[in-house]
């Protein structure tokens, strides 16, 4: 019975991933098409529909095959979690391959349009400097920097109190929770295990805060024909995104408090935990919605270095050593991506590769 419930839970996660990935291009506006900077209005509407249809069909086939394999694996093994992890990795790799194929197809379409002089590459716009606007933006950034310290301090205090009272925690500490707050997995209460758990929680909140500020500091664009309206939209976007990140971070800090409570052997109120989980999910969805509605995705807005094809690898990795920006808007997907050409971007990119490699190694080691 537990295997069936776990399988249903994993199926729900995979179906959400499938729906997001298979419809990702819809969320990118008219400026980008599968990671290529091209106005969709210059491509035949039926051709775009056919490309999107093929993209979804390929995703559907891959999803069905991978989920069938997961069902087969779960019937042969009791460790369904490992099966789900491999299913997730397989789907991500498969989705990336599909994206690359479609991305290259769109690049060829753009090349033909350029060759036939139907479209022309835009030149990088002149930098627009408005000190009053920049001062207003900087005030907002400073405000959010202080706000983002609140969840960090909450988790930090919790970590210190938990570490000081290590001997009062019991022989085992919880590390994995169900959606209702019930503990699913325990590990021995050793100093290394406890420190690893606490550092992971604190590091996650700090990392999200850093990414939040870096995202808010990313390059802003304006419509040359409507500069004042653009300035207003930029400030409004910063406020919405900033508060969205703050709510997300506070909800994660509340989850951390629940974890601390559970470590001391106390039960977590199911209703409260579900509310916190709900707030976390809703805040993440609202952030995505805010980004999708971002004015920066409009073709009429200023052309800058991240709009240049030569600075992108497969439309996913931004590599421009001449751009001091740490983060820029994604071309395919929701949110921001790092500039791997910048010094800090290189560090983050290498650290991410090492972390992924270590996670994969640990997974393989557990299977063996």
Protein backbone atom coordinates (compact mmCIF):
# COMPACT_ATOMS: atom_id res chain seq x y z
CA UNK A 1 0.00 0.00 0.00
CA UNK A 2 2.85 2.39 0.87
CA UNK A 3 4.50 1.69 -2.48
CA UNK A 4 1.29 2.62 -4.29
CA UNK A 5 1.00 5.89 -2.35
CA UNK A 6 4.68 6.70 -2.97
CA UNK A 7 4.26 5.92 -6.66
CA UNK A 8 1.21 8.21 -6.84
CA UNK A 9 3.20 10.98 -5.12
CA UNK A 10 6.14 10.58 -7.51
CA UNK A 11 3.78 10.45 -10.48
CA UNK A 12 2.28 13.79 -9.39
CA UNK A 13 5.77 15.34 -9.21
CA UNK A 14 6.69 13.97 -12.65
CA UNK A 15 3.41 15.14 -14.22
CA UNK A 16 3.96 18.67 -12.86
CA UNK A 17 7.48 18.63 -14.29
CA UNK A 18 6.14 17.34 -17.60
CA UNK A 19 3.44 20.04 -17.83
CA UNK A 20 5.95 22.80 -17.03
CA UNK A 21 8.66 21.58 -19.43
CA UNK A 22 6.35 20.73 -22.33
CA UNK A 23 4.75 24.20 -22.18
CA UNK A 24 7.83 26.19 -21.17
CA UNK A 25 8.06 28.16 -24.40
CA UNK A 26 4.61 29.65 -23.81
CA UNK A 27 6.03 31.37 -20.71
CA UNK A 28 8.79 33.23 -22.59
CA UNK A 29 6.71 35.82 -24.45
CA UNK A 30 7.26 36.90 -28.05
CA UNK A 31 10.93 37.85 -27.74
CA UNK A 32 12.45 34.37 -27.41
CA UNK A 33 11.61 31.12 -29.14
CA UNK A 34 13.29 28.06 -27.64
CA UNK A 35 16.26 30.09 -26.48
CA UNK A 36 16.66 32.05 -29.74
CA UNK A 37 16.22 35.82 -29.80
CA UNK A 38 13.66 36.19 -32.57
CA UNK A 39 10.33 37.94 -32.81
CA UNK A 40 7.69 35.22 -33.31
CA UNK A 41 5.71 37.58 -35.53
CA UNK A 42 8.24 36.99 -38.34
CA UNK A 43 7.63 33.23 -38.38
CA UNK A 44 4.58 31.61 -39.92
CA UNK A 45 2.03 30.96 -37.18
CA UNK A 46 1.30 27.43 -38.43
CA UNK A 47 5.01 26.64 -38.40
CA UNK A 48 5.27 27.71 -34.75
CA UNK A 49 2.21 25.63 -33.87
CA UNK A 50 3.75 22.59 -35.57
CA UNK A 51 7.06 23.08 -33.72
CA UNK A 52 5.27 23.43 -30.37
CA UNK A 53 3.13 20.38 -31.14
CA UNK A 54 6.17 18.24 -31.97
CA UNK A 55 7.91 19.50 -28.84
CA UNK A 56 4.97 18.42 -26.66
CA UNK A 57 4.57 15.06 -28.45
CA UNK A 58 8.23 14.20 -27.89
CA UNK A 59 7.92 15.19 -24.24
CA UNK A 60 4.79 13.08 -23.85
CA UNK A 61 6.42 10.00 -25.36
CA UNK A 62 9.46 10.36 -23.10
CA UNK A 63 7.31 10.92 -20.01
CA UNK A 64 5.16 7.82 -20.67
CA UNK A 65 8.18 5.56 -21.34
CA UNK A 66 10.07 6.78 -18.25
CA UNK A 67 7.04 6.41 -15.98
CA UNK A 68 6.35 2.87 -17.26
CA UNK A 69 9.97 1.98 -16.47
CA UNK A 70 9.49 3.47 -12.98
CA UNK A 71 6.42 1.26 -12.43
CA UNK A 72 8.37 -1.81 -13.55
CA UNK A 73 11.26 -0.91 -11.24
CA UNK A 74 8.95 -0.32 -8.27
CA UNK A 75 7.39 -3.78 -8.78
CA UNK A 76 10.84 -5.38 -8.65
CA UNK A 77 12.38 -3.31 -5.85
CA UNK A 78 11.23 -1.87 -2.53
CA UNK A 79 13.50 1.18 -2.87
CA UNK A 80 11.21 3.25 -5.05
CA UNK A 81 13.02 6.46 -4.10
CA UNK A 82 16.12 5.44 -6.07
CA UNK A 83 13.91 4.50 -9.02
CA UNK A 84 12.26 7.92 -8.92
CA UNK A 85 15.64 9.67 -8.75
CA UNK A 86 16.81 7.86 -11.87
CA UNK A 87 13.47 8.55 -13.58
CA UNK A 88 13.85 12.24 -12.74
CA UNK A 89 17.44 12.40 -14.03
CA UNK A 90 16.47 10.48 -17.19
CA UNK A 91 13.57 12.85 -17.89
CA UNK A 92 15.75 15.93 -17.38
CA UNK A 93 18.40 14.57 -19.77
CA UNK A 94 15.74 13.57 -22.31
CA UNK A 95 14.09 17.01 -22.07
CA UNK A 96 17.45 18.72 -22.58
CA UNK A 97 18.10 16.68 -25.74
CA UNK A 98 14.66 17.60 -27.15
CA UNK A 99 15.26 21.26 -26.33
CA UNK A 100 18.67 21.27 -28.06
CA UNK A 101 17.17 19.72 -31.22
CA UNK A 102 14.34 22.30 -31.37
CA UNK A 103 16.71 25.13 -30.43
CA UNK A 104 19.03 24.34 -33.34
CA UNK A 105 16.02 24.14 -35.67
CA UNK A 106 14.92 27.65 -34.65
CA UNK A 107 18.48 28.94 -35.11
CA UNK A 108 18.41 27.62 -38.68
CA UNK A 109 15.07 29.36 -39.28
CA UNK A 110 16.55 32.61 -37.98
CA UNK A 111 19.62 32.18 -40.19
CA UNK A 112 17.36 31.84 -43.25
CA UNK A 113 15.40 34.95 -42.28
CA UNK A 114 18.63 36.93 -41.88
CA UNK A 115 19.95 35.60 -45.18
CA UNK A 116 16.80 36.68 -46.99
CA UNK A 117 16.86 40.10 -45.26
CA UNK A 118 13.44 39.46 -43.71
CA UNK A 119 14.87 40.37 -40.33
CA UNK A 120 18.07 42.13 -39.24
CA UNK A 121 20.21 41.81 -36.12
CA UNK A 122 19.57 44.69 -33.76
CA UNK A 123 22.42 46.73 -32.39
CA UNK A 124 23.08 47.05 -28.68
CA UNK A 125 21.26 50.05 -27.34
CA UNK A 126 23.01 52.96 -25.71
CA UNK A 127 23.10 52.81 -21.93
CA UNK A 128 20.26 54.77 -20.39
CA UNK A 129 21.29 56.48 -17.13
CA UNK A 130 18.76 58.16 -14.88
CA UNK A 131 20.26 58.88 -11.45
CA UNK A 132 16.88 59.50 -9.84
CA UNK A 133 15.64 56.13 -11.07
CA UNK A 134 18.87 54.35 -10.05
CA UNK A 135 18.72 55.90 -6.58
CA UNK A 136 15.14 54.69 -6.16
CA UNK A 137 16.18 51.21 -7.28
CA UNK A 138 19.16 51.20 -4.89
CA UNK A 139 16.90 52.21 -1.98
CA UNK A 140 14.65 49.25 -2.75
CA UNK A 141 17.64 46.91 -2.98
CA UNK A 142 18.96 48.06 0.41
CA UNK A 143 15.51 47.60 1.90
CA UNK A 144 15.29 44.02 0.65
CA UNK A 145 18.84 43.27 1.84
CA UNK A 146 17.74 44.06 5.39
CA UNK A 147 14.46 42.15 5.00
CA UNK A 148 16.30 39.07 3.74
CA UNK A 149 18.43 39.08 6.91
CA UNK A 150 15.31 38.21 8.95
CA UNK A 151 14.89 34.60 7.70
CA UNK A 152 18.67 34.10 7.83
CA UNK A 153 18.78 35.19 11.49
CA UNK A 154 15.79 33.00 12.35
CA UNK A 155 17.48 29.89 10.93
CA UNK A 156 20.89 30.86 12.36
CA UNK A 157 19.48 31.21 15.91
CA UNK A 158 17.66 27.89 15.50
CA UNK A 159 20.88 26.20 14.35
CA UNK A 160 22.88 27.57 17.31
CA UNK A 161 20.25 26.51 19.88
CA UNK A 162 19.97 23.06 18.33
CA UNK A 163 23.73 22.57 18.28
CA UNK A 164 24.11 23.73 21.90
CA UNK A 165 21.43 21.22 22.97
CA UNK A 166 22.76 18.33 20.87
CA UNK A 167 22.71 15.93 23.82
CA UNK A 168 19.00 16.59 24.37
CA UNK A 169 17.95 15.64 20.84
CA UNK A 170 17.85 11.89 21.21
CA UNK A 171 19.71 9.09 19.50
CA UNK A 172 18.35 9.87 16.01
CA UNK A 173 17.45 13.12 14.23
CA UNK A 174 14.86 13.56 11.43
CA UNK A 175 16.06 14.46 7.92
CA UNK A 176 13.09 13.83 5.65
CA UNK A 177 9.45 14.84 6.08
CA UNK A 178 6.17 14.05 4.36
CA UNK A 179 3.82 16.76 3.06
CA UNK A 180 1.94 16.74 6.39
CA UNK A 181 5.07 17.10 8.52
CA UNK A 182 5.41 13.45 9.54
CA UNK A 183 9.02 12.21 9.65
CA UNK A 184 9.97 9.77 6.91
CA UNK A 185 13.68 9.27 7.57
CA UNK A 186 16.08 9.45 10.53
CA UNK A 187 19.87 9.47 10.83
CA UNK A 188 22.11 8.89 13.88
CA UNK A 189 22.64 11.98 16.06
CA UNK A 190 26.37 12.41 15.50
CA UNK A 191 28.16 15.75 15.44
CA UNK A 192 28.94 15.41 11.73
CA UNK A 193 25.36 14.45 10.80
CA UNK A 194 23.87 17.25 12.89
CA UNK A 195 26.30 19.86 11.56
CA UNK A 196 25.67 18.71 8.01
CA UNK A 197 21.92 19.02 8.49
CA UNK A 198 22.12 22.47 10.10
CA UNK A 199 24.62 23.84 7.56
CA UNK A 200 22.40 22.56 4.75
CA UNK A 201 19.35 24.43 6.12
CA UNK A 202 21.24 27.64 6.84
CA UNK A 203 23.13 27.48 3.55
CA UNK A 204 19.88 27.06 1.59
CA UNK A 205 18.35 30.23 3.07
CA UNK A 206 21.57 32.22 2.55
CA UNK A 207 21.87 30.98 -1.03
CA UNK A 208 18.28 31.93 -1.87
CA UNK A 209 18.81 35.37 -0.30
CA UNK A 210 21.94 35.87 -2.38
CA UNK A 211 20.19 34.76 -5.56
CA UNK A 212 17.25 37.04 -4.72
CA UNK A 213 19.45 40.14 -4.42
CA UNK A 214 21.47 39.19 -7.51
CA UNK A 215 18.24 38.76 -9.48
CA UNK A 216 16.93 42.15 -8.37
CA UNK A 217 20.23 43.73 -9.41
CA UNK A 218 20.10 42.22 -12.91
CA UNK A 219 20.03 44.58 -15.90
CA UNK A 220 16.86 46.62 -16.40
CA UNK A 221 15.53 47.48 -19.85
CA UNK A 222 13.44 50.32 -21.16
CA UNK A 223 11.23 51.02 -24.12
CA UNK A 224 12.87 53.96 -25.96
CA UNK A 225 9.42 55.18 -26.99
CA UNK A 226 7.99 55.07 -23.45
CA UNK A 227 10.84 55.74 -21.03
CA UNK A 228 8.76 57.04 -18.10
CA UNK A 229 6.34 54.12 -18.28
CA UNK A 230 9.31 51.73 -18.49
CA UNK A 231 10.84 53.23 -15.33
CA UNK A 232 7.54 52.80 -13.49
CA UNK A 233 7.22 49.18 -14.68
CA UNK A 234 10.80 48.42 -13.61
CA UNK A 235 10.22 49.72 -10.07
CA UNK A 236 6.93 47.85 -9.85
CA UNK A 237 8.65 44.65 -11.04
CA UNK A 238 11.43 45.00 -8.44
CA UNK A 239 8.88 45.47 -5.64
CA UNK A 240 6.76 42.47 -6.68
CA UNK A 241 9.78 40.22 -7.16
CA UNK A 242 11.47 41.42 -3.97
CA UNK A 243 8.45 40.81 -1.75
CA UNK A 244 7.82 37.50 -3.50
CA UNK A 245 11.32 36.31 -2.62
CA UNK A 246 10.86 37.57 0.95
CA UNK A 247 7.65 35.58 1.47
CA UNK A 248 9.37 32.50 0.00
CA UNK A 249 12.35 32.88 2.33
CA UNK A 250 10.15 33.43 5.40
CA UNK A 251 8.16 30.29 4.57
CA UNK A 252 11.42 28.32 4.26
CA UNK A 253 12.54 29.70 7.63
CA UNK A 254 9.23 28.49 9.13
CA UNK A 255 9.86 25.04 7.64
CA UNK A 256 13.29 25.12 9.32
CA UNK A 257 11.59 25.94 12.66
CA UNK A 258 9.38 22.87 12.21
CA UNK A 259 12.50 20.78 11.61
CA UNK A 260 14.10 22.15 14.80
CA UNK A 261 10.93 21.31 16.76
CA UNK A 262 10.96 17.77 15.37
CA UNK A 263 14.66 17.35 16.30
CA UNK A 264 13.74 17.95 19.95
CA UNK A 265 11.25 15.10 19.78
CA UNK A 266 8.16 17.29 19.62
CA UNK A 267 5.40 16.64 17.12
CA UNK A 268 4.70 19.11 14.34
CA UNK A 269 1.16 20.43 14.01
CA UNK A 270 -0.08 18.92 10.74
CA UNK A 271 -2.37 21.83 9.87
CA UNK A 272 0.34 24.45 10.45
CA UNK A 273 2.90 22.49 8.42
CA UNK A 274 0.45 22.16 5.51
CA UNK A 275 -0.25 25.92 5.65
CA UNK A 276 3.49 26.68 5.54
CA UNK A 277 3.93 24.27 2.62
CA UNK A 278 0.99 25.90 0.84
CA UNK A 279 2.47 29.40 1.34
CA UNK A 280 5.83 28.20 0.01
CA UNK A 281 4.26 26.76 -3.14
CA UNK A 282 2.00 29.76 -3.73
CA UNK A 283 4.86 32.25 -3.30
CA UNK A 284 6.96 30.29 -5.79
CA UNK A 285 4.06 30.26 -8.28
CA UNK A 286 3.47 34.00 -7.85
CA UNK A 287 7.17 34.65 -8.46
CA UNK A 288 6.96 32.66 -11.67
CA UNK A 289 3.82 34.56 -12.71
CA UNK A 290 5.54 37.90 -11.98
CA UNK A 291 8.49 36.90 -14.13
CA UNK A 292 6.29 35.69 -17.00
CA UNK A 293 4.57 39.09 -17.01
CA UNK A 294 7.92 40.90 -17.00
CA UNK A 295 8.16 43.77 -19.48
CA UNK A 296 11.76 42.75 -20.29
CA UNK A 297 10.45 39.98 -22.54
CA UNK A 298 8.85 42.42 -24.96
CA UNK A 299 10.56 42.74 -28.37
CA UNK A 300 10.19 46.55 -28.30
CA UNK A 301 12.43 46.92 -25.25
CA UNK A 302 16.09 47.91 -25.50
CA UNK A 303 18.58 45.51 -27.04
CA UNK A 304 21.53 44.63 -24.79
CA UNK A 305 24.43 42.18 -24.66
CA UNK A 306 22.32 39.25 -23.40
CA UNK A 307 20.20 39.55 -26.55
CA UNK A 308 23.23 38.72 -28.73
CA UNK A 309 23.26 35.09 -29.92
CA UNK A 310 27.06 34.82 -29.73
CA UNK A 311 26.96 35.26 -25.93
CA UNK A 312 24.78 32.18 -25.39
CA UNK A 313 25.56 28.47 -25.43
CA UNK A 314 22.52 26.55 -26.71
CA UNK A 315 20.33 29.41 -25.52
CA UNK A 316 20.72 28.24 -21.91
CA UNK A 317 24.19 29.28 -20.70
CA UNK A 318 25.13 32.96 -20.81
CA UNK A 319 28.87 33.42 -21.33
CA UNK A 320 30.02 37.01 -21.70
CA UNK A 321 33.30 37.99 -19.94
CA UNK A 322 32.75 41.60 -21.06
CA UNK A 323 29.46 41.85 -19.16
CA UNK A 324 29.91 42.59 -15.42
CA UNK A 325 26.37 41.34 -14.68
CA UNK A 326 26.31 38.24 -12.48
CA UNK A 327 22.77 37.26 -13.48
CA UNK A 328 20.61 37.87 -16.55
CA UNK A 329 17.14 36.88 -17.63
CA UNK A 330 16.76 33.34 -18.96
CA UNK A 331 15.94 32.84 -22.61
CA UNK A 332 14.20 29.51 -22.04
CA UNK A 333 12.56 28.95 -18.71
CA UNK A 334 11.45 31.08 -15.81
CA UNK A 335 13.76 33.32 -13.80
CA UNK A 336 17.39 34.23 -14.15
CA UNK A 337 20.63 32.47 -15.02
CA UNK A 338 24.23 33.24 -14.09
CA UNK A 339 26.80 34.76 -16.43
CA UNK A 340 29.44 32.00 -16.47
CA UNK A 341 31.81 34.46 -18.13
CA UNK A 342 32.01 36.60 -14.99
CA UNK A 343 34.48 35.64 -12.21
CA UNK A 344 31.73 34.92 -9.67
CA UNK A 345 29.71 33.13 -12.33
CA UNK A 346 32.63 30.78 -13.01
CA UNK A 347 32.83 29.91 -9.30
CA UNK A 348 29.10 29.19 -9.11
CA UNK A 349 29.15 27.15 -12.31
CA UNK A 350 32.08 24.97 -11.17
CA UNK A 351 30.54 24.58 -7.69
CA UNK A 352 27.23 23.47 -9.26
CA UNK A 353 28.98 20.88 -11.45
CA UNK A 354 30.90 19.54 -8.41
CA UNK A 355 27.70 19.38 -6.31
CA UNK A 356 25.82 17.53 -9.07
CA UNK A 357 28.73 15.15 -9.55
CA UNK A 358 28.91 14.45 -5.81
CA UNK A 359 25.13 13.84 -5.64
CA UNK A 360 25.29 11.41 -8.57
CA UNK A 361 28.28 9.62 -7.02
CA UNK A 362 26.43 9.29 -3.70
CA UNK A 363 23.36 7.90 -5.47
CA UNK A 364 25.38 5.30 -7.37
CA UNK A 365 27.26 4.40 -4.18
CA UNK A 366 23.98 3.79 -2.32
CA UNK A 367 22.76 1.47 -5.08
CA UNK A 368 26.00 -0.52 -5.12
